[in-house]
N, C-alpha and C. Protein backbone atom coordinates (compact mmCIF):
# COMPACT_ATOMS: atom_id res chain seq x y z
N UNK A 1 0.80 -1.20 0.00
CA UNK A 1 0.00 0.00 0.00
C UNK A 1 0.85 1.26 0.00
N UNK A 2 2.06 1.16 0.38
CA UNK A 2 2.92 2.34 0.43
C UNK A 2 3.19 2.87 -0.98
N UNK A 3 3.18 1.99 -1.99
CA UNK A 3 3.46 2.42 -3.36
C UNK A 3 2.26 3.06 -4.03
N UNK A 4 1.09 2.81 -3.56
CA UNK A 4 -0.12 3.34 -4.21
C UNK A 4 -0.14 4.86 -4.27
N UNK A 5 0.14 5.58 -3.21
CA UNK A 5 0.14 7.06 -3.34
C UNK A 5 1.20 7.55 -4.31
N UNK A 6 2.37 6.92 -4.30
CA UNK A 6 3.41 7.32 -5.26
C UNK A 6 2.94 7.07 -6.69
N UNK A 7 2.35 5.90 -6.93
CA UNK A 7 1.86 5.59 -8.27
C UNK A 7 0.75 6.54 -8.69
N UNK A 8 -0.11 6.89 -7.78
CA UNK A 8 -1.20 7.82 -8.07
C UNK A 8 -0.63 9.19 -8.42
N UNK A 9 0.34 9.64 -7.67
CA UNK A 9 0.97 10.93 -7.96
C UNK A 9 1.66 10.89 -9.31
N UNK A 10 2.39 9.81 -9.57
CA UNK A 10 3.06 9.68 -10.86
C UNK A 10 2.06 9.67 -12.02
N UNK A 11 0.96 8.97 -11.83
CA UNK A 11 -0.07 8.94 -12.87
C UNK A 11 -0.63 10.33 -13.13
N UNK A 12 -0.88 11.07 -12.08
CA UNK A 12 -1.39 12.45 -12.24
C UNK A 12 -0.34 13.33 -12.91
N UNK A 13 0.92 13.14 -12.55
CA UNK A 13 1.98 13.92 -13.19
C UNK A 13 2.09 13.59 -14.67
N UNK A 14 1.94 12.34 -15.02
CA UNK A 14 1.99 11.94 -16.43
C UNK A 14 0.83 12.56 -17.21
N UNK A 15 -0.36 12.53 -16.61
CA UNK A 15 -1.53 13.14 -17.27
C UNK A 15 -1.30 14.64 -17.45
N UNK A 16 -0.79 15.26 -16.40
CA UNK A 16 -0.50 16.68 -16.46
C UNK A 16 0.52 16.96 -17.57
N UNK A 17 1.56 16.14 -17.66
CA UNK A 17 2.59 16.31 -18.68
C UNK A 17 2.00 16.16 -20.08
N UNK A 18 1.12 15.17 -20.29
CA UNK A 18 0.48 14.99 -21.60
C UNK A 18 -0.38 16.19 -21.96
N UNK A 19 -1.13 16.66 -20.99
CA UNK A 19 -2.00 17.82 -21.26
C UNK A 19 -1.17 19.06 -21.54
N UNK A 20 -0.07 19.21 -20.82
CA UNK A 20 0.81 20.35 -21.06
C UNK A 20 1.43 20.27 -22.45
N UNK A 21 1.82 19.08 -22.88
CA UNK A 21 2.35 18.90 -24.23
C UNK A 21 1.30 19.22 -25.28
N UNK A 22 0.06 18.79 -25.05
CA UNK A 22 -1.03 19.13 -25.98
C UNK A 22 -1.23 20.64 -26.05
N UNK A 23 -1.17 21.27 -24.89
CA UNK A 23 -1.32 22.72 -24.83
C UNK A 23 -0.20 23.41 -25.60
N UNK A 24 1.03 22.94 -25.42
CA UNK A 24 2.17 23.51 -26.15
C UNK A 24 1.99 23.37 -27.66
N UNK A 25 1.51 22.21 -28.09
CA UNK A 25 1.28 21.99 -29.51
C UNK A 25 0.23 22.95 -30.05
N UNK A 26 -0.85 23.11 -29.32
CA UNK A 26 -1.91 24.03 -29.75
C UNK A 26 -1.41 25.47 -29.75
N UNK A 27 -0.63 25.83 -28.75
CA UNK A 27 -0.09 27.19 -28.69
C UNK A 27 0.85 27.45 -29.86
N UNK A 28 1.67 26.46 -30.21
CA UNK A 28 2.55 26.60 -31.37
C UNK A 28 1.74 26.82 -32.65
N UNK A 29 0.64 26.09 -32.79
CA UNK A 29 -0.23 26.27 -33.98
C UNK A 29 -0.82 27.67 -34.01
N UNK A 30 -1.26 28.13 -32.85
CA UNK A 30 -1.85 29.47 -32.76
C UNK A 30 -0.80 30.53 -33.12
N UNK A 31 0.41 30.36 -32.62
CA UNK A 31 1.47 31.31 -32.94
C UNK A 31 1.81 31.29 -34.42
N UNK A 32 1.82 30.11 -35.02
CA UNK A 32 2.05 30.02 -36.47
C UNK A 32 0.94 30.72 -37.24
N UNK A 33 -0.30 30.50 -36.82
CA UNK A 33 -1.43 31.16 -37.48
C UNK A 33 -1.35 32.67 -37.33
N UNK A 34 -0.95 33.13 -36.15
CA UNK A 34 -0.83 34.56 -35.91
C UNK A 34 0.25 35.16 -36.80
N UNK A 35 1.36 34.46 -36.94
CA UNK A 35 2.42 34.93 -37.83
C UNK A 35 1.91 35.02 -39.27
N UNK A 36 1.19 33.99 -39.70
CA UNK A 36 0.63 33.99 -41.05
C UNK A 36 -0.32 35.17 -41.24
N UNK A 37 -1.15 35.44 -40.24
CA UNK A 37 -2.07 36.57 -40.33
C UNK A 37 -1.32 37.89 -40.42
N UNK A 38 -0.25 38.03 -39.66
CA UNK A 38 0.54 39.26 -39.73
C UNK A 38 1.14 39.45 -41.11
N UNK A 39 1.66 38.38 -41.69
CA UNK A 39 2.25 38.46 -43.02
C UNK A 39 1.17 38.84 -44.04
N UNK A 40 0.03 38.19 -43.95
CA UNK A 40 -1.05 38.49 -44.90
C UNK A 40 -1.57 39.91 -44.72
N UNK A 41 -1.65 40.37 -43.48
CA UNK A 41 -2.12 41.74 -43.22
C UNK A 41 -1.15 42.76 -43.81
N UNK A 42 0.14 42.48 -43.69
CA UNK A 42 1.14 43.35 -44.29
C UNK A 42 0.96 43.41 -45.80
N UNK A 43 0.71 42.26 -46.42
CA UNK A 43 0.49 42.21 -47.86
C UNK A 43 -0.75 43.02 -48.24
N UNK A 44 -1.81 42.90 -47.46
CA UNK A 44 -3.04 43.66 -47.74
C UNK A 44 -2.76 45.16 -47.64
N UNK A 45 -2.02 45.57 -46.61
CA UNK A 45 -1.70 46.99 -46.45
C UNK A 45 -0.87 47.49 -47.62
N UNK A 46 0.11 46.70 -48.06
CA UNK A 46 0.93 47.09 -49.21
C UNK A 46 0.08 47.22 -50.47
N UNK A 47 -0.81 46.28 -50.67
CA UNK A 47 -1.70 46.35 -51.83
C UNK A 47 -2.62 47.56 -51.76
N UNK A 48 -3.09 47.88 -50.57
CA UNK A 48 -3.95 49.05 -50.40
C UNK A 48 -3.20 50.33 -50.73
N UNK A 49 -1.94 50.41 -50.34
CA UNK A 49 -1.12 51.58 -50.69
C UNK A 49 -0.99 51.68 -52.20
N UNK A 50 -0.78 50.55 -52.87
CA UNK A 50 -0.68 50.55 -54.33
C UNK A 50 -1.96 51.03 -54.99
N UNK A 51 -3.09 50.58 -54.47
CA UNK A 51 -4.39 51.01 -55.01
C UNK A 51 -4.56 52.51 -54.79
N UNK A 52 -4.18 52.99 -53.62
CA UNK A 52 -4.32 54.41 -53.33
C UNK A 52 -3.46 55.25 -54.27
N UNK A 53 -2.25 54.75 -54.57
CA UNK A 53 -1.38 55.46 -55.52
C UNK A 53 -2.04 55.54 -56.90
N UNK A 54 -2.62 54.42 -57.32
CA UNK A 54 -3.28 54.41 -58.63
C UNK A 54 -4.46 55.39 -58.66
N UNK A 55 -5.23 55.43 -57.58
CA UNK A 55 -6.36 56.36 -57.51
C UNK A 55 -5.85 57.80 -57.56
N UNK A 56 -4.76 58.07 -56.84
CA UNK A 56 -4.19 59.42 -56.85
C UNK A 56 -3.76 59.82 -58.27
N UNK A 57 -3.11 58.89 -58.97
CA UNK A 57 -2.68 59.18 -60.35
C UNK A 57 -3.89 59.42 -61.26
N UNK A 58 -4.93 58.61 -61.08
CA UNK A 58 -6.14 58.82 -61.90
C UNK A 58 -6.78 60.16 -61.59
N UNK A 59 -6.76 60.53 -60.33
CA UNK A 59 -7.34 61.82 -59.95
C UNK A 59 -6.54 62.96 -60.59
N UNK A 60 -5.22 62.86 -60.56
CA UNK A 60 -4.39 63.89 -61.19
C UNK A 60 -4.65 63.96 -62.69
N UNK A 61 -4.76 62.80 -63.33
CA UNK A 61 -5.01 62.78 -64.77
C UNK A 61 -6.38 63.36 -65.09
N UNK A 62 -7.37 63.03 -64.28
CA UNK A 62 -8.72 63.56 -64.50
C UNK A 62 -8.73 65.08 -64.35
N UNK A 63 -8.05 65.58 -63.33
CA UNK A 63 -7.99 67.04 -63.14
C UNK A 63 -7.30 67.71 -64.33
N UNK A 64 -6.24 67.09 -64.82
CA UNK A 64 -5.52 67.63 -65.98
C UNK A 64 -6.43 67.67 -67.20
N UNK A 65 -7.16 66.60 -67.44
CA UNK A 65 -8.10 66.54 -68.57
C UNK A 65 -9.16 67.61 -68.43
N UNK A 66 -9.70 67.75 -67.23
CA UNK A 66 -10.75 68.76 -67.01
C UNK A 66 -10.21 70.16 -67.26
N UNK A 67 -8.98 70.42 -66.84
CA UNK A 67 -8.39 71.75 -67.08
C UNK A 67 -8.21 71.99 -68.58
N UNK A 68 -7.70 70.98 -69.27
CA UNK A 68 -7.47 71.15 -70.71
C UNK A 68 -8.76 71.32 -71.49
N UNK A 69 -9.82 70.69 -71.02
CA UNK A 69 -11.12 70.83 -71.69
C UNK A 69 -11.93 71.99 -71.13
N UNK A 70 -11.31 72.68 -70.19
CA UNK A 70 -11.93 73.84 -69.52
C UNK A 70 -13.25 73.44 -68.87
N UNK A 71 -13.25 72.25 -68.27
CA UNK A 71 -14.45 71.79 -67.54
C UNK A 71 -14.33 72.08 -66.05
N UNK A 72 -13.14 72.33 -65.61
CA UNK A 72 -12.91 72.55 -64.19
C UNK A 72 -13.13 74.01 -63.85
N UNK A 73 -13.56 74.25 -62.63
CA UNK A 73 -13.71 75.63 -62.16
C UNK A 73 -12.33 76.27 -62.08
N UNK A 74 -12.31 77.57 -62.30
CA UNK A 74 -11.05 78.28 -62.20
C UNK A 74 -10.57 78.28 -60.76
N UNK A 75 -9.26 78.16 -60.55
CA UNK A 75 -8.76 78.17 -59.17
C UNK A 75 -9.02 79.51 -58.51
N UNK A 76 -9.25 79.49 -57.24
CA UNK A 76 -9.62 80.72 -56.50
C UNK A 76 -8.40 81.46 -56.10
């Protein structure tokens, strides 16, 4: 009977160790997913900057066309 408490404690420690390993695995997956999201978010931001540049260029071209066709109001 003296070994039973030791065995019980060891069994609980083993269960705890397995659960901790499972937790570590899940945390590693979450961290990988978070890294992937950060990379993708950076790509989205870069693409958005590119789109904004294109819109700015189109706006400049439109203003130039309007001035040449005398469709724009005179500057104040």
